[in-house]
PDB file of N, CA and C in Angstrom:
ATOM      1  N   GLN A   1    -103.521 -23.030  12.017  1.00  0.00           N
ATOM      2  CA  GLN A   1    -104.828 -22.795  11.405  1.00  0.00           C
ATOM      3  C   GLN A   1    -105.856 -22.343  12.429  1.00  0.00           C
ATOM      4  N   VAL A   2    -105.798 -22.888  13.646  1.00  0.00           N
ATOM      5  CA  VAL A   2    -106.671 -22.438  14.720  1.00  0.00           C
ATOM      6  C   VAL A   2    -106.054 -21.206  15.368  1.00  0.00           C
ATOM      7  N   GLN A   3    -106.868 -20.187  15.609  1.00  0.00           N
ATOM      8  CA  GLN A   3    -106.394 -18.966  16.242  1.00  0.00           C
ATOM      9  C   GLN A   3    -107.239 -18.634  17.462  1.00  0.00           C
ATOM     10  N   LEU A   4    -106.569 -18.268  18.547  1.00  0.00           N
ATOM     11  CA  LEU A   4    -107.216 -17.845  19.776  1.00  0.00           C
ATOM     12  C   LEU A   4    -106.677 -16.479  20.157  1.00  0.00           C
ATOM     13  N   VAL A   5    -107.558 -15.551  20.491  1.00  0.00           N
ATOM     14  CA  VAL A   5    -107.158 -14.200  20.858  1.00  0.00           C
ATOM     15  C   VAL A   5    -107.801 -13.844  22.189  1.00  0.00           C
ATOM     16  N   GLU A   6    -106.959 -13.647  23.215  1.00  0.00           N
ATOM     17  CA  GLU A   6    -107.432 -13.252  24.537  1.00  0.00           C
ATOM     18  C   GLU A   6    -107.457 -11.730  24.652  1.00  0.00           C
ATOM     19  N   SER A   7    -108.326 -11.229  25.516  1.00  0.00           N
ATOM     20  CA  SER A   7    -108.379  -9.811  25.814  1.00  0.00           C
ATOM     21  C   SER A   7    -108.977  -9.622  27.202  1.00  0.00           C
ATOM     22  N   GLY A   8    -108.869  -8.407  27.727  1.00  0.00           N
ATOM     23  CA  GLY A   8    -109.490  -8.068  28.997  1.00  0.00           C
ATOM     24  C   GLY A   8    -108.555  -7.982  30.181  1.00  0.00           C
ATOM     25  N   GLY A   9    -107.278  -8.280  30.002  1.00  0.00           N
ATOM     26  CA  GLY A   9    -106.334  -8.176  31.095  1.00  0.00           C
ATOM     27  C   GLY A   9    -106.066  -6.732  31.472  1.00  0.00           C
ATOM     28  N   GLY A  10    -105.395  -6.552  32.606  1.00  0.00           N
ATOM     29  CA  GLY A  10    -105.077  -5.225  33.086  1.00  0.00           C
ATOM     30  C   GLY A  10    -104.560  -5.267  34.501  1.00  0.00           C
ATOM     31  N   SER A  11    -104.469  -4.094  35.120  1.00  0.00           N
ATOM     32  CA  SER A  11    -103.993  -3.949  36.492  1.00  0.00           C
ATOM     33  C   SER A  11    -105.144  -3.555  37.407  1.00  0.00           C
ATOM     34  N   VAL A  12    -105.275  -4.259  38.530  1.00  0.00           N
ATOM     35  CA  VAL A  12    -106.333  -3.985  39.494  1.00  0.00           C
ATOM     36  C   VAL A  12    -105.782  -4.088  40.905  1.00  0.00           C
ATOM     37  N   GLN A  13    -106.502  -3.520  41.857  1.00  0.00           N
ATOM     38  CA  GLN A  13    -106.161  -3.630  43.263  1.00  0.00           C
ATOM     39  C   GLN A  13    -106.657  -4.951  43.830  1.00  0.00           C
ATOM     40  N   PRO A  14    -106.052  -5.438  44.903  1.00  0.00           N
ATOM     41  CA  PRO A  14    -106.588  -6.632  45.561  1.00  0.00           C
ATOM     42  C   PRO A  14    -108.066  -6.460  45.891  1.00  0.00           C
ATOM     43  N   GLY A  15    -108.840  -7.513  45.654  1.00  0.00           N
ATOM     44  CA  GLY A  15    -110.273  -7.466  45.840  1.00  0.00           C
ATOM     45  C   GLY A  15    -111.048  -7.019  44.615  1.00  0.00           C
ATOM     46  N   GLY A  16    -110.362  -6.558  43.586  1.00  0.00           N
ATOM     47  CA  GLY A  16    -111.005  -6.096  42.373  1.00  0.00           C
ATOM     48  C   GLY A  16    -111.419  -7.229  41.454  1.00  0.00           C
ATOM     49  N   SER A  17    -111.970  -6.844  40.286  1.00  0.00           N
ATOM     50  CA  SER A  17    -112.497  -7.809  39.326  1.00  0.00           C
ATOM     51  C   SER A  17    -112.028  -7.490  37.919  1.00  0.00           C
ATOM     52  N   LEU A  18    -111.923  -8.530  37.099  1.00  0.00           N
ATOM     53  CA  LEU A  18    -111.653  -8.413  35.674  1.00  0.00           C
ATOM     54  C   LEU A  18    -112.417  -9.499  34.942  1.00  0.00           C
ATOM     55  N   ARG A  19    -112.747  -9.242  33.674  1.00  0.00           N
ATOM     56  CA  ARG A  19    -113.372 -10.247  32.830  1.00  0.00           C
ATOM     57  C   ARG A  19    -112.521 -10.457  31.586  1.00  0.00           C
ATOM     58  N   LEU A  20    -112.021 -11.667  31.417  1.00  0.00           N
ATOM     59  CA  LEU A  20    -111.225 -12.025  30.258  1.00  0.00           C
ATOM     60  C   LEU A  20    -112.107 -12.662  29.190  1.00  0.00           C
ATOM     61  N   SER A  21    -111.745 -12.433  27.927  1.00  0.00           N
ATOM     62  CA  SER A  21    -112.439 -13.033  26.799  1.00  0.00           C
ATOM     63  C   SER A  21    -111.439 -13.745  25.906  1.00  0.00           C
ATOM     64  N   CYS A  22    -111.893 -14.790  25.240  1.00  0.00           N
ATOM     65  CA  CYS A  22    -111.081 -15.515  24.268  1.00  0.00           C
ATOM     66  C   CYS A  22    -111.954 -15.849  23.074  1.00  0.00           C
ATOM     67  N   VAL A  23    -111.591 -15.319  21.909  1.00  0.00           N
ATOM     68  CA  VAL A  23    -112.329 -15.555  20.679  1.00  0.00           C
ATOM     69  C   VAL A  23    -111.547 -16.534  19.810  1.00  0.00           C
ATOM     70  N   ALA A  24    -112.212 -17.587  19.364  1.00  0.00           N
ATOM     71  CA  ALA A  24    -111.585 -18.624  18.554  1.00  0.00           C
ATOM     72  C   ALA A  24    -112.037 -18.528  17.107  1.00  0.00           C
ATOM     73  N   SER A  25    -111.131 -18.847  16.193  1.00  0.00           N
ATOM     74  CA  SER A  25    -111.461 -18.867  14.776  1.00  0.00           C
ATOM     75  C   SER A  25    -110.834 -20.088  14.115  1.00  0.00           C
ATOM     76  N   ARG A  26    -111.376 -20.456  12.971  1.00  0.00           N
ATOM     77  CA  ARG A  26    -110.866 -21.568  12.163  1.00  0.00           C
ATOM     78  C   ARG A  26    -110.829 -22.883  12.920  1.00  0.00           C
ATOM     79  N   LEU A  27    -111.898 -23.173  13.610  1.00  0.00           N
ATOM     80  CA  LEU A  27    -112.078 -24.463  14.237  1.00  0.00           C
ATOM     81  C   LEU A  27    -113.568 -24.723  14.418  1.00  0.00           C
ATOM     82  N   THR A  28    -113.917 -25.991  14.545  1.00  0.00           N
ATOM     83  CA  THR A  28    -115.288 -26.346  14.881  1.00  0.00           C
ATOM     84  C   THR A  28    -115.406 -26.236  16.390  1.00  0.00           C
ATOM     85  N   PHE A  29    -115.787 -25.063  16.851  1.00  0.00           N
ATOM     86  CA  PHE A  29    -115.675 -24.673  18.253  1.00  0.00           C
ATOM     87  C   PHE A  29    -116.323 -25.676  19.198  1.00  0.00           C
ATOM     88  N   ARG A  30    -117.504 -26.161  18.834  1.00  0.00           N
ATOM     89  CA  ARG A  30    -118.244 -27.045  19.729  1.00  0.00           C
ATOM     90  C   ARG A  30    -117.552 -28.373  19.983  1.00  0.00           C
ATOM     91  N   THR A  31    -116.616 -28.769  19.130  1.00  0.00           N
ATOM     92  CA  THR A  31    -115.946 -30.057  19.275  1.00  0.00           C
ATOM     93  C   THR A  31    -114.717 -29.984  20.175  1.00  0.00           C
ATOM     94  N   TYR A  32    -114.338 -28.811  20.642  1.00  0.00           N
ATOM     95  CA  TYR A  32    -113.112 -28.633  21.414  1.00  0.00           C
ATOM     96  C   TYR A  32    -113.386 -28.431  22.895  1.00  0.00           C
ATOM     97  N   ASP A  33    -112.511 -29.006  23.717  1.00  0.00           N
ATOM     98  CA  ASP A  33    -112.437 -28.618  25.113  1.00  0.00           C
ATOM     99  C   ASP A  33    -111.768 -27.246  25.191  1.00  0.00           C
ATOM    100  N   MET A  34    -112.346 -26.335  25.954  1.00  0.00           N
ATOM    101  CA  MET A  34    -111.795 -24.995  26.110  1.00  0.00           C
ATOM    102  C   MET A  34    -111.399 -24.777  27.562  1.00  0.00           C
ATOM    103  N   SER A  35    -110.254 -24.142  27.769  1.00  0.00           N
ATOM    104  CA  SER A  35    -109.780 -23.958  29.132  1.00  0.00           C
ATOM    105  C   SER A  35    -108.969 -22.675  29.259  1.00  0.00           C
ATOM    106  N   TRP A  36    -108.807 -22.246  30.501  1.00  0.00           N
ATOM    107  CA  TRP A  36    -107.950 -21.128  30.862  1.00  0.00           C
ATOM    108  C   TRP A  36    -106.799 -21.632  31.723  1.00  0.00           C
ATOM    109  N   TRP A  37    -105.608 -21.137  31.446  1.00  0.00           N
ATOM    110  CA  TRP A  37    -104.404 -21.427  32.202  1.00  0.00           C
ATOM    111  C   TRP A  37    -103.705 -20.115  32.524  1.00  0.00           C
ATOM    112  N   ARG A  38    -102.772 -20.148  33.472  1.00  0.00           N
ATOM    113  CA  ARG A  38    -102.011 -18.956  33.787  1.00  0.00           C
ATOM    114  C   ARG A  38    -100.572 -19.322  34.119  1.00  0.00           C
ATOM    115  N   GLN A  39     -99.677 -18.351  33.938  1.00  0.00           N
ATOM    116  CA  GLN A  39     -98.267 -18.579  34.183  1.00  0.00           C
ATOM    117  C   GLN A  39     -97.625 -17.306  34.715  1.00  0.00           C
ATOM    118  N   ALA A  40     -97.030 -17.413  35.894  1.00  0.00           N
ATOM    119  CA  ALA A  40     -96.272 -16.328  36.486  1.00  0.00           C
ATOM    120  C   ALA A  40     -94.799 -16.486  36.120  1.00  0.00           C
ATOM    121  N   PRO A  41     -94.021 -15.402  36.152  1.00  0.00           N
ATOM    122  CA  PRO A  41     -92.604 -15.498  35.789  1.00  0.00           C
ATOM    123  C   PRO A  41     -91.864 -16.536  36.617  1.00  0.00           C
ATOM    124  N   GLY A  42     -91.102 -17.396  35.956  1.00  0.00           N
ATOM    125  CA  GLY A  42     -90.319 -18.408  36.639  1.00  0.00           C
ATOM    126  C   GLY A  42     -91.099 -19.606  37.139  1.00  0.00           C
ATOM    127  N   LYS A  43     -92.395 -19.691  36.820  1.00  0.00           N
ATOM    128  CA  LYS A  43     -93.222 -20.789  37.296  1.00  0.00           C
ATOM    129  C   LYS A  43     -93.818 -21.567  36.128  1.00  0.00           C
ATOM    130  N   GLU A  44     -94.264 -22.786  36.424  1.00  0.00           N
ATOM    131  CA  GLU A  44     -94.923 -23.608  35.419  1.00  0.00           C
ATOM    132  C   GLU A  44     -96.322 -23.076  35.125  1.00  0.00           C
ATOM    133  N   ARG A  45     -96.793 -23.354  33.922  1.00  0.00           N
ATOM    134  CA  ARG A  45     -98.147 -22.981  33.566  1.00  0.00           C
ATOM    135  C   ARG A  45     -99.144 -23.774  34.412  1.00  0.00           C
ATOM    136  N   GLU A  46    -100.149 -23.088  34.936  1.00  0.00           N
ATOM    137  CA  GLU A  46    -101.074 -23.637  35.914  1.00  0.00           C
ATOM    138  C   GLU A  46    -102.495 -23.649  35.362  1.00  0.00           C
ATOM    139  N   PHE A  47    -103.181 -24.766  35.530  1.00  0.00           N
ATOM    140  CA  PHE A  47    -104.575 -24.875  35.129  1.00  0.00           C
ATOM    141  C   PHE A  47    -105.457 -23.968  35.973  1.00  0.00           C
ATOM    142  N   VAL A  48    -106.437 -23.316  35.331  1.00  0.00           N
ATOM    143  CA  VAL A  48    -107.362 -22.428  36.021  1.00  0.00           C
ATOM    144  C   VAL A  48    -108.794 -22.953  35.950  1.00  0.00           C
ATOM    145  N   ALA A  49    -109.306 -23.159  34.730  1.00  0.00           N
ATOM    146  CA  ALA A  49    -110.700 -23.563  34.564  1.00  0.00           C
ATOM    147  C   ALA A  49    -110.895 -24.186  33.188  1.00  0.00           C
ATOM    148  N   GLU A  50    -111.927 -25.029  33.060  1.00  0.00           N
ATOM    149  CA  GLU A  50    -112.207 -25.707  31.788  1.00  0.00           C
ATOM    150  C   GLU A  50    -113.692 -25.964  31.629  1.00  0.00           C
ATOM    151  N   ILE A  51    -114.178 -25.836  30.386  1.00  0.00           N
ATOM    152  CA  ILE A  51    -115.489 -26.340  29.993  1.00  0.00           C
ATOM    153  C   ILE A  51    -115.267 -27.295  28.837  1.00  0.00           C
ATOM    154  N   ALA A  52    -115.587 -28.562  29.045  1.00  0.00           N
ATOM    155  CA  ALA A  52    -115.352 -29.591  28.043  1.00  0.00           C
ATOM    156  C   ALA A  52    -116.331 -29.478  26.883  1.00  0.00           C
ATOM    157  N   ARG A  53    -115.973 -30.116  25.766  1.00  0.00           N
ATOM    158  CA  ARG A  53    -116.860 -30.167  24.617  1.00  0.00           C
ATOM    159  C   ARG A  53    -118.216 -30.758  25.012  1.00  0.00           C
ATOM    160  N   GLY A  54    -119.280 -30.167  24.519  1.00  0.00           N
ATOM    161  CA  GLY A  54    -120.616 -30.667  24.805  1.00  0.00           C
ATOM    162  C   GLY A  54    -121.133 -30.340  26.189  1.00  0.00           C
ATOM    163  N   SER A  55    -120.404 -29.558  26.955  1.00  0.00           N
ATOM    164  CA  SER A  55    -120.773 -29.253  28.331  1.00  0.00           C
ATOM    165  C   SER A  55    -121.012 -27.761  28.515  1.00  0.00           C
ATOM    166  N   THR A  56    -121.766 -27.417  29.540  1.00  0.00           N
ATOM    167  CA  THR A  56    -121.927 -26.035  29.963  1.00  0.00           C
ATOM    168  C   THR A  56    -121.383 -25.802  31.366  1.00  0.00           C
ATOM    169  N   ALA A  57    -120.933 -26.851  32.026  1.00  0.00           N
ATOM    170  CA  ALA A  57    -120.452 -26.769  33.397  1.00  0.00           C
ATOM    171  C   ALA A  57    -118.938 -26.658  33.420  1.00  0.00           C
ATOM    172  N   ALA A  58    -118.426 -25.719  34.184  1.00  0.00           N
ATOM    173  CA  ALA A  58    -116.993 -25.500  34.286  1.00  0.00           C
ATOM    174  C   ALA A  58    -116.398 -26.255  35.464  1.00  0.00           C
ATOM    175  N   ALA A  59    -115.155 -26.679  35.296  1.00  0.00           N
ATOM    176  CA  ALA A  59    -114.357 -27.230  36.382  1.00  0.00           C
ATOM    177  C   ALA A  59    -113.248 -26.247  36.712  1.00  0.00           C
ATOM    178  N   TYR A  60    -112.912 -26.121  37.991  1.00  0.00           N
ATOM    179  CA  TYR A  60    -111.972 -25.107  38.442  1.00  0.00           C
ATOM    180  C   TYR A  60    -110.865 -25.713  39.292  1.00  0.00           C
ATOM    181  N   SER A  61    -109.707 -25.058  39.279  1.00  0.00           N
ATOM    182  CA  SER A  61    -108.670 -25.401  40.227  1.00  0.00           C
ATOM    183  C   SER A  61    -109.077 -24.920  41.615  1.00  0.00           C
ATOM    184  N   ASP A  62    -108.520 -25.556  42.637  1.00  0.00           N
ATOM    185  CA  ASP A  62    -108.863 -25.184  44.004  1.00  0.00           C
ATOM    186  C   ASP A  62    -108.496 -23.734  44.318  1.00  0.00           C
ATOM    187  N   SER A  63    -107.457 -23.216  43.678  1.00  0.00           N
ATOM    188  CA  SER A  63    -106.985 -21.879  43.986  1.00  0.00           C
ATOM    189  C   SER A  63    -107.929 -20.772  43.530  1.00  0.00           C
ATOM    190  N   VAL A  64    -108.835 -21.067  42.576  1.00  0.00           N
ATOM    191  CA  VAL A  64    -109.727 -20.036  42.056  1.00  0.00           C
ATOM    192  C   VAL A  64    -111.200 -20.347  42.275  1.00  0.00           C
ATOM    193  N   ARG A  65    -111.521 -21.541  42.722  1.00  0.00           N
ATOM    194  CA  ARG A  65    -112.913 -21.938  42.920  1.00  0.00           C
ATOM    195  C   ARG A  65    -113.622 -20.968  43.867  1.00  0.00           C
ATOM    196  N   GLU A  66    -114.845 -20.594  43.528  1.00  0.00           N
ATOM    197  CA  GLU A  66    -115.693 -19.658  44.259  1.00  0.00           C
ATOM    198  C   GLU A  66    -115.282 -18.208  44.067  1.00  0.00           C
ATOM    199  N   ARG A  67    -114.238 -17.953  43.295  1.00  0.00           N
ATOM    200  CA  ARG A  67    -113.850 -16.589  42.951  1.00  0.00           C
ATOM    201  C   ARG A  67    -113.943 -16.318  41.455  1.00  0.00           C
ATOM    202  N   PHE A  68    -113.651 -17.317  40.635  1.00  0.00           N
ATOM    203  CA  PHE A  68    -113.674 -17.177  39.183  1.00  0.00           C
ATOM    204  C   PHE A  68    -114.866 -17.942  38.611  1.00  0.00           C
ATOM    205  N   ILE A  69    -115.417 -17.435  37.497  1.00  0.00           N
ATOM    206  CA  ILE A  69    -116.495 -18.113  36.784  1.00  0.00           C
ATOM    207  C   ILE A  69    -116.144 -18.162  35.302  1.00  0.00           C
ATOM    208  N   MET A  70    -116.104 -19.362  34.736  1.00  0.00           N
ATOM    209  CA  MET A  70    -115.878 -19.531  33.310  1.00  0.00           C
ATOM    210  C   MET A  70    -117.205 -19.826  32.616  1.00  0.00           C
ATOM    211  N   THR A  71    -117.426 -19.185  31.460  1.00  0.00           N
ATOM    212  CA  THR A  71    -118.605 -19.445  30.645  1.00  0.00           C
ATOM    213  C   THR A  71    -118.186 -19.640  29.196  1.00  0.00           C
ATOM    214  N   ARG A  72    -119.101 -20.221  28.404  1.00  0.00           N
ATOM    215  CA  ARG A  72    -118.794 -20.579  27.029  1.00  0.00           C
ATOM    216  C   ARG A  72    -119.990 -20.240  26.155  1.00  0.00           C
ATOM    217  N   ASP A  73    -119.739 -19.534  25.047  1.00  0.00           N
ATOM    218  CA  ASP A  73    -120.772 -19.171  24.088  1.00  0.00           C
ATOM    219  C   ASP A  73    -120.395 -19.794  22.755  1.00  0.00           C
ATOM    220  N   ASN A  74    -121.003 -20.925  22.433  1.00  0.00           N
ATOM    221  CA  ASN A  74    -120.640 -21.652  21.217  1.00  0.00           C
ATOM    222  C   ASN A  74    -121.058 -20.910  19.954  1.00  0.00           C
ATOM    223  N   ASP A  75    -122.125 -20.130  20.014  1.00  0.00           N
ATOM    224  CA  ASP A  75    -122.574 -19.381  18.841  1.00  0.00           C
ATOM    225  C   ASP A  75    -121.613 -18.253  18.490  1.00  0.00           C
ATOM    226  N   GLN A  76    -120.944 -17.683  19.483  1.00  0.00           N
ATOM    227  CA  GLN A  76    -119.983 -16.607  19.262  1.00  0.00           C
ATOM    228  C   GLN A  76    -118.538 -17.088  19.246  1.00  0.00           C
ATOM    229  N   ASN A  77    -118.323 -18.390  19.404  1.00  0.00           N
ATOM    230  CA  ASN A  77    -116.966 -18.955  19.440  1.00  0.00           C
ATOM    231  C   ASN A  77    -116.102 -18.249  20.487  1.00  0.00           C
ATOM    232  N   THR A  78    -116.675 -18.023  21.653  1.00  0.00           N
ATOM    233  CA  THR A  78    -116.008 -17.238  22.683  1.00  0.00           C
ATOM    234  C   THR A  78    -116.151 -17.897  24.047  1.00  0.00           C
ATOM    235  N   VAL A  79    -115.086 -17.848  24.842  1.00  0.00           N
ATOM    236  CA  VAL A  79    -115.146 -18.227  26.243  1.00  0.00           C
ATOM    237  C   VAL A  79    -114.739 -17.030  27.084  1.00  0.00           C
ATOM    238  N   TYR A  80    -115.232 -17.003  28.313  1.00  0.00           N
ATOM    239  CA  TYR A  80    -114.991 -15.898  29.220  1.00  0.00           C
ATOM    240  C   TYR A  80    -114.475 -16.422  30.553  1.00  0.00           C
ATOM    241  N   LEU A  81    -113.760 -15.569  31.255  1.00  0.00           N
ATOM    242  CA  LEU A  81    -113.352 -15.854  32.621  1.00  0.00           C
ATOM    243  C   LEU A  81    -113.617 -14.608  33.455  1.00  0.00           C
ATOM    244  N   GLN A  82    -114.661 -14.662  34.268  1.00  0.00           N
ATOM    245  CA  GLN A  82    -114.985 -13.580  35.185  1.00  0.00           C
ATOM    246  C   GLN A  82    -114.230 -13.809  36.484  1.00  0.00           C
ATOM    247  N   MET A  83    -113.353 -12.885  36.835  1.00  0.00           N
ATOM    248  CA  MET A  83    -112.505 -13.015  38.003  1.00  0.00           C
ATOM    249  C   MET A  83    -112.898 -11.960  39.030  1.00  0.00           C
ATOM    250  N   SER A  84    -113.144 -12.383  40.248  1.00  0.00           N
ATOM    251  CA  SER A  84    -113.482 -11.472  41.330  1.00  0.00           C
ATOM    252  C   SER A  84    -112.642 -11.807  42.555  1.00  0.00           C
ATOM    253  N   SER A  85    -112.681 -10.909  43.540  1.00  0.00           N
ATOM    254  CA  SER A  85    -111.884 -11.072  44.762  1.00  0.00           C
ATOM    255  C   SER A  85    -110.436 -11.395  44.432  1.00  0.00           C
ATOM    256  N   LEU A  86    -109.882 -10.656  43.507  1.00  0.00           N
ATOM    257  CA  LEU A  86    -108.538 -10.949  43.022  1.00  0.00           C
ATOM    258  C   LEU A  86    -107.491 -10.720  44.105  1.00  0.00           C
ATOM    259  N   LYS A  87    -106.478 -11.586  44.087  1.00  0.00           N
ATOM    260  CA  LYS A  87    -105.388 -11.556  45.046  1.00  0.00           C
ATOM    261  C   LYS A  87    -104.072 -11.312  44.317  1.00  0.00           C
ATOM    262  N   PRO A  88    -103.051 -10.788  45.016  1.00  0.00           N
ATOM    263  CA  PRO A  88    -101.752 -10.608  44.358  1.00  0.00           C
ATOM    264  C   PRO A  88    -101.218 -11.894  43.736  1.00  0.00           C
ATOM    265  N   GLU A  89    -101.485 -13.046  44.337  1.00  0.00           N
ATOM    266  CA  GLU A  89    -101.004 -14.303  43.790  1.00  0.00           C
ATOM    267  C   GLU A  89    -101.719 -14.718  42.509  1.00  0.00           C
ATOM    268  N   ASP A  90    -102.775 -14.004  42.118  1.00  0.00           N
ATOM    269  CA  ASP A  90    -103.412 -14.230  40.824  1.00  0.00           C
ATOM    270  C   ASP A  90    -102.656 -13.560  39.680  1.00  0.00           C
ATOM    271  N   THR A  91    -101.663 -12.748  40.000  1.00  0.00           N
ATOM    272  CA  THR A  91    -100.884 -12.067  38.974  1.00  0.00           C
ATOM    273  C   THR A  91    -100.189 -13.081  38.072  1.00  0.00           C
ATOM    274  N   ALA A  92    -100.437 -12.982  36.767  1.00  0.00           N
ATOM    275  CA  ALA A  92     -99.888 -13.939  35.803  1.00  0.00           C
ATOM    276  C   ALA A  92    -100.325 -13.524  34.402  1.00  0.00           C
ATOM    277  N   VAL A  93     -99.736 -14.174  33.408  1.00  0.00           N
ATOM    278  CA  VAL A  93    -100.266 -14.115  32.056  1.00  0.00           C
ATOM    279  C   VAL A  93    -101.301 -15.223  31.928  1.00  0.00           C
ATOM    280  N   TYR A  94    -102.496 -14.874  31.489  1.00  0.00           N
ATOM    281  CA  TYR A  94    -103.588 -15.823  31.357  1.00  0.00           C
ATOM    282  C   TYR A  94    -103.738 -16.238  29.898  1.00  0.00           C
ATOM    283  N   TYR A  95    -103.785 -17.554  29.675  1.00  0.00           N
ATOM    284  CA  TYR A  95    -103.829 -18.125  28.342  1.00  0.00           C
ATOM    285  C   TYR A  95    -105.113 -18.905  28.118  1.00  0.00           C
ATOM    286  N   CYS A  96    -105.644 -18.796  26.918  1.00  0.00           N
ATOM    287  CA  CYS A  96    -106.773 -19.590  26.470  1.00  0.00           C
ATOM    288  C   CYS A  96    -106.254 -20.797  25.692  1.00  0.00           C
ATOM    289  N   ARG A  97    -106.904 -21.952  25.871  1.00  0.00           N
ATOM    290  CA  ARG A  97    -106.487 -23.177  25.202  1.00  0.00           C
ATOM    291  C   ARG A  97    -107.672 -23.875  24.561  1.00  0.00           C
ATOM    292  N   ALA A  98    -107.477 -24.352  23.335  1.00  0.00           N
ATOM    293  CA  ALA A  98    -108.445 -25.189  22.643  1.00  0.00           C
ATOM    294  C   ALA A  98    -107.813 -26.553  22.411  1.00  0.00           C
ATOM    295  N   PHE A  99    -108.469 -27.618  22.883  1.00  0.00           N
ATOM    296  CA  PHE A  99    -107.900 -28.962  22.823  1.00  0.00           C
ATOM    297  C   PHE A  99    -108.881 -29.938  22.222  1.00  0.00           C
ATOM    298  N   LEU A 100    -108.412 -30.677  21.220  1.00  0.00           N
ATOM    299  CA  LEU A 100    -109.155 -31.802  20.671  1.00  0.00           C
ATOM    300  C   LEU A 100    -108.358 -33.092  20.838  1.00  0.00           C
ATOM    301  N   THR A 101    -107.129 -33.086  20.354  1.00  0.00           N
ATOM    302  CA  THR A 101    -106.166 -34.161  20.528  1.00  0.00           C
ATOM    303  C   THR A 101    -104.797 -33.527  20.730  1.00  0.00           C
ATOM    304  N   ALA A 102    -103.780 -34.343  20.981  1.00  0.00           N
ATOM    305  CA  ALA A 102    -102.434 -33.820  21.118  1.00  0.00           C
ATOM    306  C   ALA A 102    -101.994 -33.063  19.865  1.00  0.00           C
ATOM    307  N   GLN A 103    -102.468 -33.489  18.718  1.00  0.00           N
ATOM    308  CA  GLN A 103    -102.121 -32.820  17.471  1.00  0.00           C
ATOM    309  C   GLN A 103    -102.907 -31.525  17.297  1.00  0.00           C
ATOM    310  N   TYR A 104    -104.158 -31.516  17.738  1.00  0.00           N
ATOM    311  CA  TYR A 104    -105.016 -30.341  17.613  1.00  0.00           C
ATOM    312  C   TYR A 104    -105.158 -29.697  18.984  1.00  0.00           C
ATOM    313  N   ASN A 105    -104.129 -28.955  19.356  1.00  0.00           N
ATOM    314  CA  ASN A 105    -103.994 -28.354  20.670  1.00  0.00           C
ATOM    315  C   ASN A 105    -103.381 -26.970  20.476  1.00  0.00           C
ATOM    316  N   THR A 106    -104.155 -25.910  20.734  1.00  0.00           N
ATOM    317  CA  THR A 106    -103.735 -24.556  20.396  1.00  0.00           C
ATOM    318  C   THR A 106    -103.851 -23.632  21.600  1.00  0.00           C
ATOM    319  N   TRP A 107    -102.852 -22.792  21.763  1.00  0.00           N
ATOM    320  CA  TRP A 107    -102.822 -21.772  22.815  1.00  0.00           C
ATOM    321  C   TRP A 107    -102.904 -20.381  22.212  1.00  0.00           C
ATOM    322  N   GLY A 108    -103.577 -19.459  22.911  1.00  0.00           N
ATOM    323  CA  GLY A 108    -103.494 -18.061  22.562  1.00  0.00           C
ATOM    324  C   GLY A 108    -102.173 -17.477  23.030  1.00  0.00           C
ATOM    325  N   ARG A 109    -101.942 -16.213  22.722  1.00  0.00           N
ATOM    326  CA  ARG A 109    -100.679 -15.580  23.107  1.00  0.00           C
ATOM    327  C   ARG A 109    -100.707 -15.005  24.514  1.00  0.00           C
ATOM    328  N   GLY A 110    -101.854 -14.928  25.149  1.00  0.00           N
ATOM    329  CA  GLY A 110    -101.962 -14.540  26.540  1.00  0.00           C
ATOM    330  C   GLY A 110    -102.328 -13.083  26.756  1.00  0.00           C
ATOM    331  N   THR A 111    -102.851 -12.809  27.949  1.00  0.00           N
ATOM    332  CA  THR A 111    -103.160 -11.448  28.373  1.00  0.00           C
ATOM    333  C   THR A 111    -102.721 -11.282  29.828  1.00  0.00           C
ATOM    334  N   GLN A 112    -102.060 -10.173  30.131  1.00  0.00           N
ATOM    335  CA  GLN A 112    -101.461  -9.958  31.444  1.00  0.00           C
ATOM    336  C   GLN A 112    -102.499  -9.489  32.453  1.00  0.00           C
ATOM    337  N   VAL A 113    -102.494 -10.119  33.626  1.00  0.00           N
ATOM    338  CA  VAL A 113    -103.300  -9.694  34.766  1.00  0.00           C
ATOM    339  C   VAL A 113    -102.355  -9.378  35.915  1.00  0.00           C
ATOM    340  N   THR A 114    -102.435  -8.162  36.448  1.00  0.00           N
ATOM    341  CA  THR A 114    -101.591  -7.741  37.554  1.00  0.00           C
ATOM    342  C   THR A 114    -102.466  -7.259  38.701  1.00  0.00           C
ATOM    343  N   VAL A 115    -102.271  -7.836  39.884  1.00  0.00           N
ATOM    344  CA  VAL A 115    -103.040  -7.483  41.068  1.00  0.00           C
ATOM    345  C   VAL A 115    -102.062  -6.963  42.115  1.00  0.00           C
ATOM    346  N   SER A 116    -102.150  -5.685  42.438  1.00  0.00           N
ATOM    347  CA  SER A 116    -101.235  -5.082  43.398  1.00  0.00           C
ATOM    348  C   SER A 116    -101.849  -3.838  44.008  1.00  0.00           C
ATOM    349  N   SER A 117    -101.290  -3.426  45.164  1.00  0.00           N
ATOM    350  CA  SER A 117    -101.741  -2.218  45.830  1.00  0.00           C
ATOM    351  C   SER A 117    -101.065  -0.977  45.283  1.00  0.00           C
TER     352      SER A 117
END
């Protein structure tokens, strides 16, 4: 019933920037924790950033802190991930997640980010 659609992925050179978007539907957006995760081939899914319900402040993994910025627009049911100073190790499929409880936990289908020379 909850749907998340990511967009904005693509291919960039090291040091470049991308902005990802995630639009949510069929949920009470303000009541959910929203987060970004990523997964490279053969690796476990990795936490990137989160803005909890009722908050405007993002928390980040150490690997992206000071390079990525997550924002949340509750009126548009949208979260963003502004990525700068991209590195080859940032290459992954990036997923949006909406979490309320273990039962109400939804992932988008992902958007590919490739960083290479």
